[in-house]
Amino acid sequence: MIKLFAAACLFLITGLAAFFVSSNKSKTLKLITNWLLVFIGLIALDFFAEAFVFEWLDWNGTTKNDWFFMLWWASVLFWFIYGTRKIFSR
């Protein structure tokens, strides 16, 4: 949970920095909003998998679900880098 909180803080801090640095604030705000909404969607996917799918498969507390978390964190990292580059390039 601490890693997830740290990732959310990193997204918010980067979004705020991009907003304050930008010259076209309305376009940047729209990009940041979309960027954060996809991040929230990734969090919702994680919670859904943990609450329902892994419970149904009896994978909670085992190493059978490690592949999902590796893919999920790779997706979060990719989305962070992609969004940061896109937001700061405008």
PDB file of N, CA and C in Angstrom:
ATOM      1  N   MET A   1       0.817  -1.192   0.000  1.00  0.00           N
ATOM      2  CA  MET A   1       0.000   0.000   0.000  1.00  0.00           C
ATOM      3  C   MET A   1       0.864   1.260   0.000  1.00  0.00           C
ATOM      4  N   ILE A   2       2.027   1.180   0.615  1.00  0.00           N
ATOM      5  CA  ILE A   2       2.923   2.337   0.653  1.00  0.00           C
ATOM      6  C   ILE A   2       3.445   2.642  -0.752  1.00  0.00           C
ATOM      7  N   LYS A   3       3.728   1.591  -1.532  1.00  0.00           N
ATOM      8  CA  LYS A   3       4.200   1.797  -2.902  1.00  0.00           C
ATOM      9  C   LYS A   3       3.128   2.472  -3.742  1.00  0.00           C
ATOM     10  N   LEU A   4       1.886   2.077  -3.554  1.00  0.00           N
ATOM     11  CA  LEU A   4       0.786   2.674  -4.295  1.00  0.00           C
ATOM     12  C   LEU A   4       0.602   4.140  -3.910  1.00  0.00           C
ATOM     13  N   PHE A   5       0.714   4.437  -2.630  1.00  0.00           N
ATOM     14  CA  PHE A   5       0.629   5.819  -2.163  1.00  0.00           C
ATOM     15  C   PHE A   5       1.774   6.657  -2.728  1.00  0.00           C
ATOM     16  N   ALA A   6       2.972   6.097  -2.765  1.00  0.00           N
ATOM     17  CA  ALA A   6       4.120   6.804  -3.324  1.00  0.00           C
ATOM     18  C   ALA A   6       3.929   7.064  -4.816  1.00  0.00           C
ATOM     19  N   ALA A   7       3.380   6.088  -5.536  1.00  0.00           N
ATOM     20  CA  ALA A   7       3.127   6.271  -6.969  1.00  0.00           C
ATOM     21  C   ALA A   7       2.086   7.366  -7.193  1.00  0.00           C
ATOM     22  N   ALA A   8       1.027   7.377  -6.391  1.00  0.00           N
ATOM     23  CA  ALA A   8       0.000   8.412  -6.516  1.00  0.00           C
ATOM     24  C   ALA A   8       0.579   9.789  -6.227  1.00  0.00           C
ATOM     25  N   CYS A   9       1.414   9.904  -5.214  1.00  0.00           N
ATOM     26  CA  CYS A   9       2.065  11.186  -4.905  1.00  0.00           C
ATOM     27  C   CYS A   9       2.967  11.631  -6.054  1.00  0.00           C
ATOM     28  N   LEU A  10       3.697  10.693  -6.639  1.00  0.00           N
ATOM     29  CA  LEU A  10       4.569  11.013  -7.757  1.00  0.00           C
ATOM     30  C   LEU A  10       3.764  11.519  -8.952  1.00  0.00           C
ATOM     31  N   PHE A  11       2.637  10.879  -9.248  1.00  0.00           N
ATOM     32  CA  PHE A  11       1.779  11.339 -10.333  1.00  0.00           C
ATOM     33  C   PHE A  11       1.251  12.739 -10.045  1.00  0.00           C
ATOM     34  N   LEU A  12       0.785  12.977  -8.825  1.00  0.00           N
ATOM     35  CA  LEU A  12       0.223  14.285  -8.492  1.00  0.00           C
ATOM     36  C   LEU A  12       1.270  15.388  -8.513  1.00  0.00           C
ATOM     37  N   ILE A  13       2.430  15.125  -7.963  1.00  0.00           N
ATOM     38  CA  ILE A  13       3.496  16.136  -7.940  1.00  0.00           C
ATOM     39  C   ILE A  13       3.958  16.466  -9.356  1.00  0.00           C
ATOM     40  N   THR A  14       4.118  15.443 -10.185  1.00  0.00           N
ATOM     41  CA  THR A  14       4.525  15.680 -11.567  1.00  0.00           C
ATOM     42  C   THR A  14       3.460  16.455 -12.321  1.00  0.00           C
ATOM     43  N   GLY A  15       2.201  16.113 -12.102  1.00  0.00           N
ATOM     44  CA  GLY A  15       1.108  16.834 -12.748  1.00  0.00           C
ATOM     45  C   GLY A  15       1.055  18.291 -12.329  1.00  0.00           C
ATOM     46  N   LEU A  16       1.239  18.555 -11.050  1.00  0.00           N
ATOM     47  CA  LEU A  16       1.257  19.945 -10.579  1.00  0.00           C
ATOM     48  C   LEU A  16       2.439  20.722 -11.150  1.00  0.00           C
ATOM     49  N   ALA A  17       3.603  20.090 -11.201  1.00  0.00           N
ATOM     50  CA  ALA A  17       4.781  20.756 -11.759  1.00  0.00           C
ATOM     51  C   ALA A  17       4.560  21.078 -13.227  1.00  0.00           C
ATOM     52  N   ALA A  18       3.978  20.146 -13.971  1.00  0.00           N
ATOM     53  CA  ALA A  18       3.717  20.395 -15.398  1.00  0.00           C
ATOM     54  C   ALA A  18       2.702  21.516 -15.566  1.00  0.00           C
ATOM     55  N   PHE A  19       1.708  21.568 -14.702  1.00  0.00           N
ATOM     56  CA  PHE A  19       0.696  22.617 -14.802  1.00  0.00           C
ATOM     57  C   PHE A  19       1.298  23.995 -14.547  1.00  0.00           C
ATOM     58  N   PHE A  20       2.140  24.102 -13.525  1.00  0.00           N
ATOM     59  CA  PHE A  20       2.712  25.401 -13.190  1.00  0.00           C
ATOM     60  C   PHE A  20       3.755  25.863 -14.191  1.00  0.00           C
ATOM     61  N   VAL A  21       4.410  24.942 -14.873  1.00  0.00           N
ATOM     62  CA  VAL A  21       5.445  25.292 -15.843  1.00  0.00           C
ATOM     63  C   VAL A  21       4.841  25.649 -17.206  1.00  0.00           C
ATOM     64  N   SER A  22       3.669  25.118 -17.509  1.00  0.00           N
ATOM     65  CA  SER A  22       3.104  25.256 -18.856  1.00  0.00           C
ATOM     66  C   SER A  22       2.648  26.679 -19.148  1.00  0.00           C
ATOM     67  N   SER A  23       2.651  26.987 -20.446  1.00  0.00           N
ATOM     68  CA  SER A  23       2.156  28.296 -20.872  1.00  0.00           C
ATOM     69  C   SER A  23       0.675  28.217 -21.252  1.00  0.00           C
ATOM     70  N   ASN A  24       0.248  27.091 -21.792  1.00  0.00           N
ATOM     71  CA  ASN A  24      -1.154  26.888 -22.145  1.00  0.00           C
ATOM     72  C   ASN A  24      -1.799  26.013 -21.066  1.00  0.00           C
ATOM     73  N   LYS A  25      -2.301  26.645 -20.038  1.00  0.00           N
ATOM     74  CA  LYS A  25      -2.772  25.925 -18.856  1.00  0.00           C
ATOM     75  C   LYS A  25      -4.010  25.071 -19.129  1.00  0.00           C
ATOM     76  N   SER A  26      -4.915  25.522 -19.988  1.00  0.00           N
ATOM     77  CA  SER A  26      -6.136  24.748 -20.218  1.00  0.00           C
ATOM     78  C   SER A  26      -5.838  23.446 -20.953  1.00  0.00           C
ATOM     79  N   LYS A  27      -4.979  23.476 -21.953  1.00  0.00           N
ATOM     80  CA  LYS A  27      -4.621  22.254 -22.684  1.00  0.00           C
ATOM     81  C   LYS A  27      -3.825  21.304 -21.785  1.00  0.00           C
ATOM     82  N   THR A  28      -2.927  21.868 -20.997  1.00  0.00           N
ATOM     83  CA  THR A  28      -2.129  21.050 -20.085  1.00  0.00           C
ATOM     84  C   THR A  28      -3.011  20.413 -19.018  1.00  0.00           C
ATOM     85  N   LEU A  29      -3.983  21.148 -18.520  1.00  0.00           N
ATOM     86  CA  LEU A  29      -4.896  20.604 -17.507  1.00  0.00           C
ATOM     87  C   LEU A  29      -5.700  19.436 -18.069  1.00  0.00           C
ATOM     88  N   LYS A  30      -6.119  19.545 -19.314  1.00  0.00           N
ATOM     89  CA  LYS A  30      -6.856  18.447 -19.951  1.00  0.00           C
ATOM     90  C   LYS A  30      -5.968  17.204 -20.081  1.00  0.00           C
ATOM     91  N   LEU A  31      -4.723  17.383 -20.501  1.00  0.00           N
ATOM     92  CA  LEU A  31      -3.799  16.252 -20.613  1.00  0.00           C
ATOM     93  C   LEU A  31      -3.524  15.614 -19.254  1.00  0.00           C
ATOM     94  N   ILE A  32      -3.310  16.443 -18.241  1.00  0.00           N
ATOM     95  CA  ILE A  32      -3.037  15.934 -16.897  1.00  0.00           C
ATOM     96  C   ILE A  32      -4.248  15.177 -16.357  1.00  0.00           C
ATOM     97  N   THR A  33      -5.444  15.705 -16.597  1.00  0.00           N
ATOM     98  CA  THR A  33      -6.662  15.040 -16.129  1.00  0.00           C
ATOM     99  C   THR A  33      -6.801  13.663 -16.764  1.00  0.00           C
ATOM    100  N   ASN A  34      -6.612  13.576 -18.074  1.00  0.00           N
ATOM    101  CA  ASN A  34      -6.688  12.277 -18.750  1.00  0.00           C
ATOM    102  C   ASN A  34      -5.614  11.328 -18.239  1.00  0.00           C
ATOM    103  N   TRP A  35      -4.423  11.852 -18.018  1.00  0.00           N
ATOM    104  CA  TRP A  35      -3.294  11.061 -17.521  1.00  0.00           C
ATOM    105  C   TRP A  35      -3.615  10.483 -16.144  1.00  0.00           C
ATOM    106  N   LEU A  36      -4.173  11.309 -15.272  1.00  0.00           N
ATOM    107  CA  LEU A  36      -4.518  10.851 -13.924  1.00  0.00           C
ATOM    108  C   LEU A  36      -5.707   9.886 -13.928  1.00  0.00           C
ATOM    109  N   LEU A  37      -6.661  10.093 -14.838  1.00  0.00           N
ATOM    110  CA  LEU A  37      -7.806   9.186 -14.903  1.00  0.00           C
ATOM    111  C   LEU A  37      -7.386   7.783 -15.333  1.00  0.00           C
ATOM    112  N   VAL A  38      -6.446   7.673 -16.247  1.00  0.00           N
ATOM    113  CA  VAL A  38      -5.960   6.351 -16.635  1.00  0.00           C
ATOM    114  C   VAL A  38      -5.211   5.712 -15.465  1.00  0.00           C
ATOM    115  N   PHE A  39      -4.459   6.502 -14.710  1.00  0.00           N
ATOM    116  CA  PHE A  39      -3.794   5.972 -13.521  1.00  0.00           C
ATOM    117  C   PHE A  39      -4.812   5.456 -12.510  1.00  0.00           C
ATOM    118  N   ILE A  40      -5.896   6.180 -12.312  1.00  0.00           N
ATOM    119  CA  ILE A  40      -6.953   5.731 -11.411  1.00  0.00           C
ATOM    120  C   ILE A  40      -7.592   4.447 -11.944  1.00  0.00           C
ATOM    121  N   GLY A  41      -7.725   4.352 -13.261  1.00  0.00           N
ATOM    122  CA  GLY A  41      -8.233   3.123 -13.861  1.00  0.00           C
ATOM    123  C   GLY A  41      -7.309   1.936 -13.613  1.00  0.00           C
ATOM    124  N   LEU A  42      -6.007   2.172 -13.672  1.00  0.00           N
ATOM    125  CA  LEU A  42      -5.051   1.109 -13.364  1.00  0.00           C
ATOM    126  C   LEU A  42      -5.165   0.668 -11.899  1.00  0.00           C
ATOM    127  N   ILE A  43      -5.380   1.618 -11.014  1.00  0.00           N
ATOM    128  CA  ILE A  43      -5.572   1.284  -9.601  1.00  0.00           C
ATOM    129  C   ILE A  43      -6.854   0.472  -9.419  1.00  0.00           C
ATOM    130  N   ALA A  44      -7.927   0.872 -10.114  1.00  0.00           N
ATOM    131  CA  ALA A  44      -9.187   0.137 -10.023  1.00  0.00           C
ATOM    132  C   ALA A  44      -9.026  -1.296 -10.543  1.00  0.00           C
ATOM    133  N   LEU A  45      -8.270  -1.456 -11.612  1.00  0.00           N
ATOM    134  CA  LEU A  45      -7.998  -2.800 -12.133  1.00  0.00           C
ATOM    135  C   LEU A  45      -7.261  -3.651 -11.103  1.00  0.00           C
ATOM    136  N   ASP A  46      -6.286  -3.057 -10.435  1.00  0.00           N
ATOM    137  CA  ASP A  46      -5.547  -3.773  -9.395  1.00  0.00           C
ATOM    138  C   ASP A  46      -6.458  -4.193  -8.249  1.00  0.00           C
ATOM    139  N   PHE A  47      -7.274  -3.266  -7.771  1.00  0.00           N
ATOM    140  CA  PHE A  47      -8.185  -3.593  -6.668  1.00  0.00           C
ATOM    141  C   PHE A  47      -9.200  -4.665  -7.074  1.00  0.00           C
ATOM    142  N   PHE A  48      -9.707  -4.598  -8.304  1.00  0.00           N
ATOM    143  CA  PHE A  48     -10.653  -5.603  -8.779  1.00  0.00           C
ATOM    144  C   PHE A  48     -10.006  -6.981  -8.829  1.00  0.00           C
ATOM    145  N   ALA A  49      -8.783  -7.026  -9.363  1.00  0.00           N
ATOM    146  CA  ALA A  49      -8.080  -8.311  -9.451  1.00  0.00           C
ATOM    147  C   ALA A  49      -7.824  -8.887  -8.070  1.00  0.00           C
ATOM    148  N   GLU A  50      -7.390  -8.041  -7.145  1.00  0.00           N
ATOM    149  CA  GLU A  50      -7.104  -8.536  -5.796  1.00  0.00           C
ATOM    150  C   GLU A  50      -8.369  -8.958  -5.053  1.00  0.00           C
ATOM    151  N   ALA A  51      -9.433  -8.199  -5.196  1.00  0.00           N
ATOM    152  CA  ALA A  51     -10.642  -8.460  -4.419  1.00  0.00           C
ATOM    153  C   ALA A  51     -11.476  -9.616  -4.967  1.00  0.00           C
ATOM    154  N   PHE A  52     -11.535  -9.749  -6.280  1.00  0.00           N
ATOM    155  CA  PHE A  52     -12.450 -10.734  -6.847  1.00  0.00           C
ATOM    156  C   PHE A  52     -11.735 -11.882  -7.561  1.00  0.00           C
ATOM    157  N   VAL A  53     -10.862 -11.554  -8.497  1.00  0.00           N
ATOM    158  CA  VAL A  53     -10.254 -12.592  -9.328  1.00  0.00           C
ATOM    159  C   VAL A  53      -9.340 -13.490  -8.506  1.00  0.00           C
ATOM    160  N   PHE A  54      -8.444 -12.893  -7.724  1.00  0.00           N
ATOM    161  CA  PHE A  54      -7.506 -13.713  -6.952  1.00  0.00           C
ATOM    162  C   PHE A  54      -8.203 -14.463  -5.826  1.00  0.00           C
ATOM    163  N   GLU A  55      -9.265 -13.896  -5.286  1.00  0.00           N
ATOM    164  CA  GLU A  55     -10.047 -14.620  -4.277  1.00  0.00           C
ATOM    165  C   GLU A  55     -10.730 -15.827  -4.914  1.00  0.00           C
ATOM    166  N   TRP A  56     -11.288 -15.628  -6.099  1.00  0.00           N
ATOM    167  CA  TRP A  56     -11.978 -16.703  -6.783  1.00  0.00           C
ATOM    168  C   TRP A  56     -11.017 -17.833  -7.157  1.00  0.00           C
ATOM    169  N   LEU A  57      -9.782 -17.470  -7.544  1.00  0.00           N
ATOM    170  CA  LEU A  57      -8.780 -18.470  -7.918  1.00  0.00           C
ATOM    171  C   LEU A  57      -7.969 -18.981  -6.731  1.00  0.00           C
ATOM    172  N   ASP A  58      -8.210 -18.439  -5.552  1.00  0.00           N
ATOM    173  CA  ASP A  58      -7.447 -18.774  -4.338  1.00  0.00           C
ATOM    174  C   ASP A  58      -5.953 -18.480  -4.517  1.00  0.00           C
ATOM    175  N   TRP A  59      -5.663 -17.335  -5.113  1.00  0.00           N
ATOM    176  CA  TRP A  59      -4.270 -16.935  -5.339  1.00  0.00           C
ATOM    177  C   TRP A  59      -3.777 -15.905  -4.335  1.00  0.00           C
ATOM    178  N   ASN A  60      -4.631 -15.381  -3.470  1.00  0.00           N
ATOM    179  CA  ASN A  60      -4.182 -14.402  -2.481  1.00  0.00           C
ATOM    180  C   ASN A  60      -3.252 -15.071  -1.485  1.00  0.00           C
ATOM    181  N   GLY A  61      -2.136 -14.430  -1.206  1.00  0.00           N
ATOM    182  CA  GLY A  61      -1.163 -14.963  -0.268  1.00  0.00           C
ATOM    183  C   GLY A  61      -0.236 -15.997  -0.879  1.00  0.00           C
ATOM    184  N   THR A  62      -0.312 -16.184  -2.196  1.00  0.00           N
ATOM    185  CA  THR A  62       0.572 -17.137  -2.863  1.00  0.00           C
ATOM    186  C   THR A  62       1.457 -16.390  -3.863  1.00  0.00           C
ATOM    187  N   THR A  63       2.351 -17.114  -4.484  1.00  0.00           N
ATOM    188  CA  THR A  63       3.213 -16.495  -5.502  1.00  0.00           C
ATOM    189  C   THR A  63       2.637 -16.646  -6.903  1.00  0.00           C
ATOM    190  N   LYS A  64       1.454 -17.210  -7.024  1.00  0.00           N
ATOM    191  CA  LYS A  64       0.841 -17.412  -8.338  1.00  0.00           C
ATOM    192  C   LYS A  64       0.412 -16.101  -8.996  1.00  0.00           C
ATOM    193  N   ASN A  65       0.221 -15.050  -8.202  1.00  0.00           N
ATOM    194  CA  ASN A  65      -0.222 -13.776  -8.762  1.00  0.00           C
ATOM    195  C   ASN A  65       0.914 -12.783  -8.975  1.00  0.00           C
ATOM    196  N   ASP A  66       2.151 -13.206  -8.810  1.00  0.00           N
ATOM    197  CA  ASP A  66       3.286 -12.292  -8.971  1.00  0.00           C
ATOM    198  C   ASP A  66       3.395 -11.754 -10.391  1.00  0.00           C
ATOM    199  N   TRP A  67       3.076 -12.569 -11.377  1.00  0.00           N
ATOM    200  CA  TRP A  67       3.156 -12.119 -12.765  1.00  0.00           C
ATOM    201  C   TRP A  67       2.230 -10.926 -13.004  1.00  0.00           C
ATOM    202  N   PHE A  68       1.044 -10.942 -12.356  1.00  0.00           N
ATOM    203  CA  PHE A  68       0.108  -9.835 -12.526  1.00  0.00           C
ATOM    204  C   PHE A  68       0.688  -8.542 -11.963  1.00  0.00           C
ATOM    205  N   PHE A  69       1.292  -8.606 -10.788  1.00  0.00           N
ATOM    206  CA  PHE A  69       1.820  -7.395 -10.168  1.00  0.00           C
ATOM    207  C   PHE A  69       3.030  -6.861 -10.919  1.00  0.00           C
ATOM    208  N   MET A  70       3.850  -7.753 -11.478  1.00  0.00           N
ATOM    209  CA  MET A  70       4.963  -7.281 -12.297  1.00  0.00           C
ATOM    210  C   MET A  70       4.460  -6.564 -13.543  1.00  0.00           C
ATOM    211  N   LEU A  71       3.458  -7.140 -14.200  1.00  0.00           N
ATOM    212  CA  LEU A  71       2.873  -6.481 -15.373  1.00  0.00           C
ATOM    213  C   LEU A  71       2.181  -5.176 -14.995  1.00  0.00           C
ATOM    214  N   TRP A  72       1.503  -5.167 -13.853  1.00  0.00           N
ATOM    215  CA  TRP A  72       0.790  -3.973 -13.429  1.00  0.00           C
ATOM    216  C   TRP A  72       1.759  -2.828 -13.134  1.00  0.00           C
ATOM    217  N   TRP A  73       2.827  -3.118 -12.382  1.00  0.00           N
ATOM    218  CA  TRP A  73       3.795  -2.068 -12.090  1.00  0.00           C
ATOM    219  C   TRP A  73       4.538  -1.620 -13.347  1.00  0.00           C
ATOM    220  N   ALA A  74       4.796  -2.527 -14.282  1.00  0.00           N
ATOM    221  CA  ALA A  74       5.407  -2.136 -15.557  1.00  0.00           C
ATOM    222  C   ALA A  74       4.465  -1.228 -16.339  1.00  0.00           C
ATOM    223  N   SER A  75       3.165  -1.518 -16.294  1.00  0.00           N
ATOM    224  CA  SER A  75       2.182  -0.661 -16.960  1.00  0.00           C
ATOM    225  C   SER A  75       2.126   0.717 -16.316  1.00  0.00           C
ATOM    226  N   VAL A  76       2.167   0.761 -14.993  1.00  0.00           N
ATOM    227  CA  VAL A  76       2.157   2.051 -14.290  1.00  0.00           C
ATOM    228  C   VAL A  76       3.411   2.844 -14.638  1.00  0.00           C
ATOM    229  N   LEU A  77       4.559   2.209 -14.654  1.00  0.00           N
ATOM    230  CA  LEU A  77       5.800   2.892 -15.011  1.00  0.00           C
ATOM    231  C   LEU A  77       5.762   3.393 -16.445  1.00  0.00           C
ATOM    232  N   PHE A  78       5.302   2.553 -17.368  1.00  0.00           N
ATOM    233  CA  PHE A  78       5.186   2.969 -18.765  1.00  0.00           C
ATOM    234  C   PHE A  78       4.243   4.153 -18.888  1.00  0.00           C
ATOM    235  N   TRP A  79       3.089   4.099 -18.229  1.00  0.00           N
ATOM    236  CA  TRP A  79       2.121   5.187 -18.322  1.00  0.00           C
ATOM    237  C   TRP A  79       2.684   6.478 -17.716  1.00  0.00           C
ATOM    238  N   PHE A  80       3.435   6.362 -16.637  1.00  0.00           N
ATOM    239  CA  PHE A  80       4.043   7.543 -16.029  1.00  0.00           C
ATOM    240  C   PHE A  80       5.043   8.190 -16.983  1.00  0.00           C
ATOM    241  N   ILE A  81       5.932   7.395 -17.570  1.00  0.00           N
ATOM    242  CA  ILE A  81       6.947   7.941 -18.479  1.00  0.00           C
ATOM    243  C   ILE A  81       6.303   8.510 -19.732  1.00  0.00           C
ATOM    244  N   TYR A  82       5.361   7.776 -20.313  1.00  0.00           N
ATOM    245  CA  TYR A  82       4.682   8.240 -21.522  1.00  0.00           C
ATOM    246  C   TYR A  82       3.940   9.554 -21.259  1.00  0.00           C
ATOM    247  N   GLY A  83       3.169   9.591 -20.187  1.00  0.00           N
ATOM    248  CA  GLY A  83       2.406  10.793 -19.874  1.00  0.00           C
ATOM    249  C   GLY A  83       3.285  11.979 -19.536  1.00  0.00           C
ATOM    250  N   THR A  84       4.358  11.739 -18.801  1.00  0.00           N
ATOM    251  CA  THR A  84       5.271  12.827 -18.450  1.00  0.00           C
ATOM    252  C   THR A  84       5.901  13.424 -19.691  1.00  0.00           C
ATOM    253  N   ARG A  85       6.360  12.585 -20.589  1.00  0.00           N
ATOM    254  CA  ARG A  85       6.968  13.082 -21.834  1.00  0.00           C
ATOM    255  C   ARG A  85       5.953  13.844 -22.669  1.00  0.00           C
ATOM    256  N   LYS A  86       4.728  13.336 -22.749  1.00  0.00           N
ATOM    257  CA  LYS A  86       3.694  13.984 -23.549  1.00  0.00           C
ATOM    258  C   LYS A  86       3.296  15.330 -22.952  1.00  0.00           C
ATOM    259  N   ILE A  87       3.133  15.379 -21.650  1.00  0.00           N
ATOM    260  CA  ILE A  87       2.703  16.620 -20.991  1.00  0.00           C
ATOM    261  C   ILE A  87       3.787  17.679 -21.062  1.00  0.00           C
ATOM    262  N   PHE A  88       5.031  17.307 -20.762  1.00  0.00           N
ATOM    263  CA  PHE A  88       6.113  18.301 -20.754  1.00  0.00           C
ATOM    264  C   PHE A  88       6.544  18.713 -22.162  1.00  0.00           C
ATOM    265  N   SER A  89       6.234  17.919 -23.177  1.00  0.00           N
ATOM    266  CA  SER A  89       6.623  18.297 -24.539  1.00  0.00           C
ATOM    267  C   SER A  89       5.685  19.372 -25.097  1.00  0.00           C
ATOM    268  N   ARG A  90       4.520  19.515 -24.513  1.00  0.00           N
ATOM    269  CA  ARG A  90       3.575  20.528 -25.013  1.00  0.00           C
ATOM    270  C   ARG A  90       3.879  21.814 -24.380  1.00  0.00           C
TER     271      ARG A  90
END
